[in-house]
Amino acid sequence: MKERILQFVESKGTARYTDIQRFIVDLKYGQGTYDAAANTDLTFDCKTNAVKTKKCNPYRGYYSDHLNTSPYGKGYLMTGKNRLEKTEDKKYFVIREN
């Protein structure tokens, strides 16, 4: 999976966090799954006793632990000889050390 993600980012030059999430979700669950899930996250409104649809995607944050850039522990996609790096403008690019 890591190699497929790296190849996806390489094909674009750089990729945003959401682009990477969309790629992973669509790869695992079928093309268009990420976009089809937009605005489908449900919440309960205690004031009106009604279920509401939030304007967010339930897949938002998918694989986020693998994209972690914390100094206390980098995520799986951010470590190793072949990895992602994050730019100051919050885009990701591929590093390959052979």
PDB file of N, CA and C in Angstrom:
ATOM      1  N   MET A   1       0.833  -1.189   0.000  1.00  0.00           N
ATOM      2  CA  MET A   1       0.000   0.000   0.000  1.00  0.00           C
ATOM      3  C   MET A   1       0.877   1.252   0.000  1.00  0.00           C
ATOM      4  N   LYS A   2       1.942   1.237   0.806  1.00  0.00           N
ATOM      5  CA  LYS A   2       2.806   2.414   0.883  1.00  0.00           C
ATOM      6  C   LYS A   2       3.372   2.753  -0.488  1.00  0.00           C
ATOM      7  N   GLU A   3       3.847   1.752  -1.210  1.00  0.00           N
ATOM      8  CA  GLU A   3       4.435   1.990  -2.523  1.00  0.00           C
ATOM      9  C   GLU A   3       3.401   2.568  -3.493  1.00  0.00           C
ATOM     10  N   ARG A   4       2.184   2.096  -3.437  1.00  0.00           N
ATOM     11  CA  ARG A   4       1.140   2.619  -4.319  1.00  0.00           C
ATOM     12  C   ARG A   4       0.838   4.088  -4.010  1.00  0.00           C
ATOM     13  N   ILE A   5       0.860   4.427  -2.735  1.00  0.00           N
ATOM     14  CA  ILE A   5       0.634   5.817  -2.329  1.00  0.00           C
ATOM     15  C   ILE A   5       1.787   6.692  -2.807  1.00  0.00           C
ATOM     16  N   LEU A   6       3.015   6.202  -2.628  1.00  0.00           N
ATOM     17  CA  LEU A   6       4.183   6.963  -3.087  1.00  0.00           C
ATOM     18  C   LEU A   6       4.126   7.174  -4.602  1.00  0.00           C
ATOM     19  N   GLN A   7       3.756   6.136  -5.355  1.00  0.00           N
ATOM     20  CA  GLN A   7       3.647   6.263  -6.805  1.00  0.00           C
ATOM     21  C   GLN A   7       2.563   7.271  -7.189  1.00  0.00           C
ATOM     22  N   PHE A   8       1.452   7.277  -6.454  1.00  0.00           N
ATOM     23  CA  PHE A   8       0.383   8.245  -6.718  1.00  0.00           C
ATOM     24  C   PHE A   8       0.904   9.672  -6.535  1.00  0.00           C
ATOM     25  N   VAL A   9       1.581   9.924  -5.418  1.00  0.00           N
ATOM     26  CA  VAL A   9       2.095  11.272  -5.146  1.00  0.00           C
ATOM     27  C   VAL A   9       3.152  11.645  -6.186  1.00  0.00           C
ATOM     28  N   GLU A  10       4.027  10.715  -6.527  1.00  0.00           N
ATOM     29  CA  GLU A  10       5.037  10.981  -7.557  1.00  0.00           C
ATOM     30  C   GLU A  10       4.397  11.357  -8.890  1.00  0.00           C
ATOM     31  N   SER A  11       3.302  10.697  -9.236  1.00  0.00           N
ATOM     32  CA  SER A  11       2.647  10.975 -10.522  1.00  0.00           C
ATOM     33  C   SER A  11       2.092  12.394 -10.583  1.00  0.00           C
ATOM     34  N   LYS A  12       1.810  12.970  -9.421  1.00  0.00           N
ATOM     35  CA  LYS A  12       1.277  14.322  -9.354  1.00  0.00           C
ATOM     36  C   LYS A  12       2.364  15.369  -9.082  1.00  0.00           C
ATOM     37  N   GLY A  13       3.526  14.934  -8.636  1.00  0.00           N
ATOM     38  CA  GLY A  13       4.592  15.859  -8.232  1.00  0.00           C
ATOM     39  C   GLY A  13       4.473  16.166  -6.749  1.00  0.00           C
ATOM     40  N   THR A  14       3.329  16.732  -6.350  1.00  0.00           N
ATOM     41  CA  THR A  14       2.984  16.926  -4.945  1.00  0.00           C
ATOM     42  C   THR A  14       1.497  16.617  -4.803  1.00  0.00           C
ATOM     43  N   ALA A  15       1.079  16.344  -3.578  1.00  0.00           N
ATOM     44  CA  ALA A  15      -0.330  16.054  -3.331  1.00  0.00           C
ATOM     45  C   ALA A  15      -0.753  16.628  -1.990  1.00  0.00           C
ATOM     46  N   ARG A  16      -1.998  17.079  -1.932  1.00  0.00           N
ATOM     47  CA  ARG A  16      -2.555  17.576  -0.679  1.00  0.00           C
ATOM     48  C   ARG A  16      -2.992  16.385   0.186  1.00  0.00           C
ATOM     49  N   TYR A  17      -3.144  16.634   1.458  1.00  0.00           N
ATOM     50  CA  TYR A  17      -3.610  15.639   2.430  1.00  0.00           C
ATOM     51  C   TYR A  17      -4.902  14.974   1.944  1.00  0.00           C
ATOM     52  N   THR A  18      -5.860  15.798   1.502  1.00  0.00           N
ATOM     53  CA  THR A  18      -7.148  15.277   1.053  1.00  0.00           C
ATOM     54  C   THR A  18      -7.002  14.438  -0.211  1.00  0.00           C
ATOM     55  N   ASP A  19      -6.105  14.809  -1.109  1.00  0.00           N
ATOM     56  CA  ASP A  19      -5.873  14.020  -2.319  1.00  0.00           C
ATOM     57  C   ASP A  19      -5.373  12.624  -1.970  1.00  0.00           C
ATOM     58  N   ILE A  20      -4.483  12.556  -0.987  1.00  0.00           N
ATOM     59  CA  ILE A  20      -3.940  11.261  -0.560  1.00  0.00           C
ATOM     60  C   ILE A  20      -5.039  10.431   0.084  1.00  0.00           C
ATOM     61  N   GLN A  21      -5.850  11.046   0.926  1.00  0.00           N
ATOM     62  CA  GLN A  21      -6.962  10.319   1.560  1.00  0.00           C
ATOM     63  C   GLN A  21      -7.933   9.796   0.499  1.00  0.00           C
ATOM     64  N   ARG A  22      -8.290  10.645  -0.453  1.00  0.00           N
ATOM     65  CA  ARG A  22      -9.212  10.248  -1.527  1.00  0.00           C
ATOM     66  C   ARG A  22      -8.645   9.045  -2.279  1.00  0.00           C
ATOM     67  N   PHE A  23      -7.352   9.092  -2.609  1.00  0.00           N
ATOM     68  CA  PHE A  23      -6.712   7.993  -3.330  1.00  0.00           C
ATOM     69  C   PHE A  23      -6.802   6.689  -2.535  1.00  0.00           C
ATOM     70  N   ILE A  24      -6.486   6.735  -1.252  1.00  0.00           N
ATOM     71  CA  ILE A  24      -6.493   5.533  -0.419  1.00  0.00           C
ATOM     72  C   ILE A  24      -7.900   4.954  -0.289  1.00  0.00           C
ATOM     73  N   VAL A  25      -8.872   5.795   0.020  1.00  0.00           N
ATOM     74  CA  VAL A  25     -10.257   5.326   0.196  1.00  0.00           C
ATOM     75  C   VAL A  25     -10.777   4.733  -1.113  1.00  0.00           C
ATOM     76  N   ASP A  26     -10.551   5.420  -2.218  1.00  0.00           N
ATOM     77  CA  ASP A  26     -11.020   4.915  -3.511  1.00  0.00           C
ATOM     78  C   ASP A  26     -10.315   3.622  -3.896  1.00  0.00           C
ATOM     79  N   LEU A  27      -9.045   3.496  -3.561  1.00  0.00           N
ATOM     80  CA  LEU A  27      -8.290   2.272  -3.846  1.00  0.00           C
ATOM     81  C   LEU A  27      -8.865   1.095  -3.055  1.00  0.00           C
ATOM     82  N   LYS A  28      -9.177   1.334  -1.794  1.00  0.00           N
ATOM     83  CA  LYS A  28      -9.676   0.255  -0.927  1.00  0.00           C
ATOM     84  C   LYS A  28     -11.151  -0.073  -1.139  1.00  0.00           C
ATOM     85  N   TYR A  29     -11.969   0.922  -1.444  1.00  0.00           N
ATOM     86  CA  TYR A  29     -13.416   0.716  -1.470  1.00  0.00           C
ATOM     87  C   TYR A  29     -14.076   0.975  -2.819  1.00  0.00           C
ATOM     88  N   GLY A  30     -13.310   1.363  -3.825  1.00  0.00           N
ATOM     89  CA  GLY A  30     -13.850   1.585  -5.159  1.00  0.00           C
ATOM     90  C   GLY A  30     -13.821   3.047  -5.559  1.00  0.00           C
ATOM     91  N   GLN A  31     -13.586   3.263  -6.843  1.00  0.00           N
ATOM     92  CA  GLN A  31     -13.483   4.617  -7.393  1.00  0.00           C
ATOM     93  C   GLN A  31     -14.735   5.433  -7.076  1.00  0.00           C
ATOM     94  N   GLY A  32     -14.535   6.644  -6.565  1.00  0.00           N
ATOM     95  CA  GLY A  32     -15.636   7.554  -6.274  1.00  0.00           C
ATOM     96  C   GLY A  32     -16.202   7.446  -4.868  1.00  0.00           C
ATOM     97  N   THR A  33     -15.712   6.504  -4.065  1.00  0.00           N
ATOM     98  CA  THR A  33     -16.237   6.304  -2.710  1.00  0.00           C
ATOM     99  C   THR A  33     -16.039   7.539  -1.834  1.00  0.00           C
ATOM    100  N   TYR A  34     -14.845   8.126  -1.888  1.00  0.00           N
ATOM    101  CA  TYR A  34     -14.556   9.283  -1.040  1.00  0.00           C
ATOM    102  C   TYR A  34     -15.497  10.437  -1.361  1.00  0.00           C
ATOM    103  N   ASP A  35     -15.626  10.773  -2.628  1.00  0.00           N
ATOM    104  CA  ASP A  35     -16.484  11.893  -3.017  1.00  0.00           C
ATOM    105  C   ASP A  35     -17.958  11.606  -2.771  1.00  0.00           C
ATOM    106  N   ALA A  36     -18.380  10.360  -2.951  1.00  0.00           N
ATOM    107  CA  ALA A  36     -19.784   9.997  -2.731  1.00  0.00           C
ATOM    108  C   ALA A  36     -20.172  10.108  -1.257  1.00  0.00           C
ATOM    109  N   ALA A  37     -19.204  10.009  -0.358  1.00  0.00           N
ATOM    110  CA  ALA A  37     -19.484  10.065   1.075  1.00  0.00           C
ATOM    111  C   ALA A  37     -19.566  11.492   1.614  1.00  0.00           C
ATOM    112  N   ALA A  38     -19.266  12.477   0.780  1.00  0.00           N
ATOM    113  CA  ALA A  38     -19.326  13.879   1.225  1.00  0.00           C
ATOM    114  C   ALA A  38     -20.725  14.222   1.722  1.00  0.00           C
ATOM    115  N   ASN A  39     -20.788  14.965   2.812  1.00  0.00           N
ATOM    116  CA  ASN A  39     -22.046  15.417   3.425  1.00  0.00           C
ATOM    117  C   ASN A  39     -22.925  14.272   3.924  1.00  0.00           C
ATOM    118  N   THR A  40     -22.316  13.148   4.282  1.00  0.00           N
ATOM    119  CA  THR A  40     -23.111  12.023   4.774  1.00  0.00           C
ATOM    120  C   THR A  40     -22.861  11.704   6.238  1.00  0.00           C
ATOM    121  N   ASP A  41     -22.044  12.474   6.900  1.00  0.00           N
ATOM    122  CA  ASP A  41     -21.758  12.226   8.308  1.00  0.00           C
ATOM    123  C   ASP A  41     -22.956  12.699   9.139  1.00  0.00           C
ATOM    124  N   LEU A  42     -23.548  11.821   9.928  1.00  0.00           N
ATOM    125  CA  LEU A  42     -24.750  12.144  10.686  1.00  0.00           C
ATOM    126  C   LEU A  42     -24.424  12.514  12.137  1.00  0.00           C
ATOM    127  N   THR A  43     -25.159  13.479  12.671  1.00  0.00           N
ATOM    128  CA  THR A  43     -25.050  13.870  14.070  1.00  0.00           C
ATOM    129  C   THR A  43     -26.453  14.030  14.645  1.00  0.00           C
ATOM    130  N   PHE A  44     -26.550  14.025  15.947  1.00  0.00           N
ATOM    131  CA  PHE A  44     -27.834  14.218  16.620  1.00  0.00           C
ATOM    132  C   PHE A  44     -27.851  15.592  17.255  1.00  0.00           C
ATOM    133  N   ASP A  45     -28.878  16.372  16.972  1.00  0.00           N
ATOM    134  CA  ASP A  45     -29.040  17.714  17.522  1.00  0.00           C
ATOM    135  C   ASP A  45     -29.944  17.618  18.746  1.00  0.00           C
ATOM    136  N   CYS A  46     -29.383  17.802  19.925  1.00  0.00           N
ATOM    137  CA  CYS A  46     -30.133  17.676  21.179  1.00  0.00           C
ATOM    138  C   CYS A  46     -31.232  18.731  21.308  1.00  0.00           C
ATOM    139  N   LYS A  47     -31.018  19.895  20.733  1.00  0.00           N
ATOM    140  CA  LYS A  47     -32.004  20.969  20.845  1.00  0.00           C
ATOM    141  C   LYS A  47     -33.275  20.664  20.063  1.00  0.00           C
ATOM    142  N   THR A  48     -33.129  20.059  18.905  1.00  0.00           N
ATOM    143  CA  THR A  48     -34.306  19.780  18.065  1.00  0.00           C
ATOM    144  C   THR A  48     -34.704  18.310  18.069  1.00  0.00           C
ATOM    145  N   ASN A  49     -33.918  17.485  18.752  1.00  0.00           N
ATOM    146  CA  ASN A  49     -34.141  16.033  18.768  1.00  0.00           C
ATOM    147  C   ASN A  49     -34.227  15.452  17.359  1.00  0.00           C
ATOM    148  N   ALA A  50     -33.338  15.903  16.514  1.00  0.00           N
ATOM    149  CA  ALA A  50     -33.338  15.448  15.135  1.00  0.00           C
ATOM    150  C   ALA A  50     -31.929  15.029  14.711  1.00  0.00           C
ATOM    151  N   VAL A  51     -31.885  14.107  13.790  1.00  0.00           N
ATOM    152  CA  VAL A  51     -30.627  13.702  13.194  1.00  0.00           C
ATOM    153  C   VAL A  51     -30.352  14.644  12.030  1.00  0.00           C
ATOM    154  N   LYS A  52     -29.129  15.174  11.985  1.00  0.00           N
ATOM    155  CA  LYS A  52     -28.756  16.106  10.931  1.00  0.00           C
ATOM    156  C   LYS A  52     -27.550  15.565  10.174  1.00  0.00           C
ATOM    157  N   THR A  53     -27.428  15.971   8.935  1.00  0.00           N
ATOM    158  CA  THR A  53     -26.253  15.658   8.143  1.00  0.00           C
ATOM    159  C   THR A  53     -25.268  16.805   8.277  1.00  0.00           C
ATOM    160  N   LYS A  54     -24.054  16.470   8.680  1.00  0.00           N
ATOM    161  CA  LYS A  54     -23.001  17.474   8.777  1.00  0.00           C
ATOM    162  C   LYS A  54     -22.353  17.633   7.407  1.00  0.00           C
ATOM    163  N   LYS A  55     -21.804  18.794   7.156  1.00  0.00           N
ATOM    164  CA  LYS A  55     -21.106  19.027   5.901  1.00  0.00           C
ATOM    165  C   LYS A  55     -19.662  18.578   6.025  1.00  0.00           C
ATOM    166  N   CYS A  56     -19.495  17.293   6.207  1.00  0.00           N
ATOM    167  CA  CYS A  56     -18.149  16.746   6.241  1.00  0.00           C
ATOM    168  C   CYS A  56     -18.180  15.319   5.721  1.00  0.00           C
ATOM    169  N   ASN A  57     -17.025  14.791   5.499  1.00  0.00           N
ATOM    170  CA  ASN A  57     -16.879  13.462   4.953  1.00  0.00           C
ATOM    171  C   ASN A  57     -16.456  12.519   6.079  1.00  0.00           C
ATOM    172  N   PRO A  58     -17.162  11.395   6.270  1.00  0.00           N
ATOM    173  CA  PRO A  58     -16.776  10.471   7.338  1.00  0.00           C
ATOM    174  C   PRO A  58     -15.393   9.854   7.128  1.00  0.00           C
ATOM    175  N   TYR A  59     -14.875   9.926   5.911  1.00  0.00           N
ATOM    176  CA  TYR A  59     -13.533   9.417   5.639  1.00  0.00           C
ATOM    177  C   TYR A  59     -12.443  10.453   5.926  1.00  0.00           C
ATOM    178  N   ARG A  60     -12.828  11.665   6.265  1.00  0.00           N
ATOM    179  CA  ARG A  60     -11.841  12.708   6.581  1.00  0.00           C
ATOM    180  C   ARG A  60     -10.998  12.227   7.756  1.00  0.00           C
ATOM    181  N   GLY A  61      -9.713  12.266   7.585  1.00  0.00           N
ATOM    182  CA  GLY A  61      -8.811  11.778   8.624  1.00  0.00           C
ATOM    183  C   GLY A  61      -8.371  10.345   8.406  1.00  0.00           C
ATOM    184  N   TYR A  62      -8.904   9.697   7.355  1.00  0.00           N
ATOM    185  CA  TYR A  62      -8.535   8.312   7.055  1.00  0.00           C
ATOM    186  C   TYR A  62      -7.030   8.243   6.811  1.00  0.00           C
ATOM    187  N   TYR A  63      -6.378   7.328   7.468  1.00  0.00           N
ATOM    188  CA  TYR A  63      -4.934   7.121   7.371  1.00  0.00           C
ATOM    189  C   TYR A  63      -4.145   8.277   7.973  1.00  0.00           C
ATOM    190  N   SER A  64      -4.775   9.148   8.751  1.00  0.00           N
ATOM    191  CA  SER A  64      -4.078  10.312   9.290  1.00  0.00           C
ATOM    192  C   SER A  64      -2.909   9.927  10.191  1.00  0.00           C
ATOM    193  N   ASP A  65      -3.031   8.813  10.906  1.00  0.00           N
ATOM    194  CA  ASP A  65      -1.913   8.397  11.763  1.00  0.00           C
ATOM    195  C   ASP A  65      -0.684   8.036  10.927  1.00  0.00           C
ATOM    196  N   HIS A  66      -0.894   7.600   9.697  1.00  0.00           N
ATOM    197  CA  HIS A  66       0.235   7.269   8.820  1.00  0.00           C
ATOM    198  C   HIS A  66       0.871   8.514   8.203  1.00  0.00           C
ATOM    199  N   LEU A  67       0.159   9.631   8.247  1.00  0.00           N
ATOM    200  CA  LEU A  67       0.676  10.895   7.710  1.00  0.00           C
ATOM    201  C   LEU A  67       1.131  11.845   8.822  1.00  0.00           C
ATOM    202  N   ASN A  68       1.244  11.331  10.022  1.00  0.00           N
ATOM    203  CA  ASN A  68       1.637  12.125  11.182  1.00  0.00           C
ATOM    204  C   ASN A  68       3.062  12.651  11.005  1.00  0.00           C
ATOM    205  N   THR A  69       3.240  13.938  11.270  1.00  0.00           N
ATOM    206  CA  THR A  69       4.575  14.553  11.171  1.00  0.00           C
ATOM    207  C   THR A  69       5.094  15.025  12.530  1.00  0.00           C
ATOM    208  N   SER A  70       4.485  14.525  13.591  1.00  0.00           N
ATOM    209  CA  SER A  70       4.864  14.927  14.938  1.00  0.00           C
ATOM    210  C   SER A  70       6.314  14.548  15.238  1.00  0.00           C
ATOM    211  N   PRO A  71       7.036  15.404  15.959  1.00  0.00           N
ATOM    212  CA  PRO A  71       8.400  15.050  16.356  1.00  0.00           C
ATOM    213  C   PRO A  71       8.431  13.897  17.369  1.00  0.00           C
ATOM    214  N   TYR A  72       7.286  13.564  17.943  1.00  0.00           N
ATOM    215  CA  TYR A  72       7.209  12.478  18.929  1.00  0.00           C
ATOM    216  C   TYR A  72       7.001  11.113  18.279  1.00  0.00           C
ATOM    217  N   GLY A  73       6.769  11.085  17.021  1.00  0.00           N
ATOM    218  CA  GLY A  73       6.590   9.830  16.304  1.00  0.00           C
ATOM    219  C   GLY A  73       5.966  10.063  14.948  1.00  0.00           C
ATOM    220  N   LYS A  74       6.761   9.883  13.911  1.00  0.00           N
ATOM    221  CA  LYS A  74       6.252  10.088  12.560  1.00  0.00           C
ATOM    222  C   LYS A  74       5.474   8.866  12.104  1.00  0.00           C
ATOM    223  N   GLY A  75       4.513   9.110  11.216  1.00  0.00           N
ATOM    224  CA  GLY A  75       3.686   8.040  10.684  1.00  0.00           C
ATOM    225  C   GLY A  75       4.418   7.162   9.695  1.00  0.00           C
ATOM    226  N   TYR A  76       3.827   6.021   9.415  1.00  0.00           N
ATOM    227  CA  TYR A  76       4.390   5.001   8.546  1.00  0.00           C
ATOM    228  C   TYR A  76       4.774   5.544   7.171  1.00  0.00           C
ATOM    229  N   LEU A  77       3.962   6.402   6.599  1.00  0.00           N
ATOM    230  CA  LEU A  77       4.250   6.943   5.269  1.00  0.00           C
ATOM    231  C   LEU A  77       5.343   8.003   5.292  1.00  0.00           C
ATOM    232  N   MET A  78       5.706   8.451   6.475  1.00  0.00           N
ATOM    233  CA  MET A  78       6.683   9.533   6.634  1.00  0.00           C
ATOM    234  C   MET A  78       8.067   9.018   7.061  1.00  0.00           C
ATOM    235  N   THR A  79       8.223   7.698   7.134  1.00  0.00           N
ATOM    236  CA  THR A  79       9.481   7.120   7.603  1.00  0.00           C
ATOM    237  C   THR A  79      10.042   6.149   6.572  1.00  0.00           C
ATOM    238  N   GLY A  80      11.309   5.823   6.719  1.00  0.00           N
ATOM    239  CA  GLY A  80      11.960   4.856   5.844  1.00  0.00           C
ATOM    240  C   GLY A  80      12.734   5.534   4.727  1.00  0.00           C
ATOM    241  N   LYS A  81      13.403   4.719   3.922  1.00  0.00           N
ATOM    242  CA  LYS A  81      14.186   5.253   2.806  1.00  0.00           C
ATOM    243  C   LYS A  81      13.278   5.845   1.737  1.00  0.00           C
ATOM    244  N   ASN A  82      12.144   5.234   1.524  1.00  0.00           N
ATOM    245  CA  ASN A  82      11.149   5.736   0.582  1.00  0.00           C
ATOM    246  C   ASN A  82       9.979   6.241   1.411  1.00  0.00           C
ATOM    247  N   ARG A  83       9.736   7.556   1.339  1.00  0.00           N
ATOM    248  CA  ARG A  83       8.762   8.153   2.248  1.00  0.00           C
ATOM    249  C   ARG A  83       8.175   9.438   1.662  1.00  0.00           C
ATOM    250  N   LEU A  84       7.184   9.938   2.355  1.00  0.00           N
ATOM    251  CA  LEU A  84       6.633  11.245   2.034  1.00  0.00           C
ATOM    252  C   LEU A  84       7.272  12.286   2.927  1.00  0.00           C
ATOM    253  N   GLU A  85       7.404  13.477   2.413  1.00  0.00           N
ATOM    254  CA  GLU A  85       7.830  14.642   3.182  1.00  0.00           C
ATOM    255  C   GLU A  85       6.776  15.716   2.987  1.00  0.00           C
ATOM    256  N   LYS A  86       6.608  16.551   3.992  1.00  0.00           N
ATOM    257  CA  LYS A  86       5.610  17.618   3.939  1.00  0.00           C
ATOM    258  C   LYS A  86       6.306  18.956   3.764  1.00  0.00           C
ATOM    259  N   THR A  87       5.812  19.751   2.813  1.00  0.00           N
ATOM    260  CA  THR A  87       6.382  21.073   2.557  1.00  0.00           C
ATOM    261  C   THR A  87       5.741  22.091   3.493  1.00  0.00           C
ATOM    262  N   GLU A  88       6.290  23.294   3.493  1.00  0.00           N
ATOM    263  CA  GLU A  88       5.734  24.364   4.323  1.00  0.00           C
ATOM    264  C   GLU A  88       4.327  24.747   3.889  1.00  0.00           C
ATOM    265  N   ASP A  89       4.010  24.554   2.604  1.00  0.00           N
ATOM    266  CA  ASP A  89       2.659  24.864   2.130  1.00  0.00           C
ATOM    267  C   ASP A  89       1.712  23.670   2.284  1.00  0.00           C
ATOM    268  N   LYS A  90       2.107  22.703   3.121  1.00  0.00           N
ATOM    269  CA  LYS A  90       1.288  21.560   3.531  1.00  0.00           C
ATOM    270  C   LYS A  90       0.971  20.585   2.401  1.00  0.00           C
ATOM    271  N   LYS A  91       1.875  20.483   1.451  1.00  0.00           N
ATOM    272  CA  LYS A  91       1.748  19.475   0.404  1.00  0.00           C
ATOM    273  C   LYS A  91       2.802  18.407   0.653  1.00  0.00           C
ATOM    274  N   TYR A  92       2.544  17.233   0.125  1.00  0.00           N
ATOM    275  CA  TYR A  92       3.432  16.104   0.313  1.00  0.00           C
ATOM    276  C   TYR A  92       4.155  15.776  -0.991  1.00  0.00           C
ATOM    277  N   PHE A  93       5.416  15.361  -0.883  1.00  0.00           N
ATOM    278  CA  PHE A  93       6.195  14.900  -2.028  1.00  0.00           C
ATOM    279  C   PHE A  93       6.976  13.669  -1.598  1.00  0.00           C
ATOM    280  N   VAL A  94       7.521  12.951  -2.568  1.00  0.00           N
ATOM    281  CA  VAL A  94       8.191  11.673  -2.310  1.00  0.00           C
ATOM    282  C   VAL A  94       9.699  11.859  -2.244  1.00  0.00           C
ATOM    283  N   ILE A  95      10.295  11.192  -1.247  1.00  0.00           N
ATOM    284  CA  ILE A  95      11.749  11.077  -1.103  1.00  0.00           C
ATOM    285  C   ILE A  95      12.099   9.616  -1.345  1.00  0.00           C
ATOM    286  N   ARG A  96      13.067   9.383  -2.200  1.00  0.00           N
ATOM    287  CA  ARG A  96      13.549   8.012  -2.450  1.00  0.00           C
ATOM    288  C   ARG A  96      15.051   8.007  -2.204  1.00  0.00           C
ATOM    289  N   GLU A  97      15.485   7.170  -1.277  1.00  0.00           N
ATOM    290  CA  GLU A  97      16.907   7.006  -0.976  1.00  0.00           C
ATOM    291  C   GLU A  97      17.274   5.569  -1.301  1.00  0.00           C
ATOM    292  N   ASN A  98      17.934   5.366  -2.408  1.00  0.00           N
ATOM    293  CA  ASN A  98      18.296   3.993  -2.814  1.00  0.00           C
ATOM    294  C   ASN A  98      19.710   3.650  -2.459  1.00  0.00           C
TER     295      ASN A  98
END
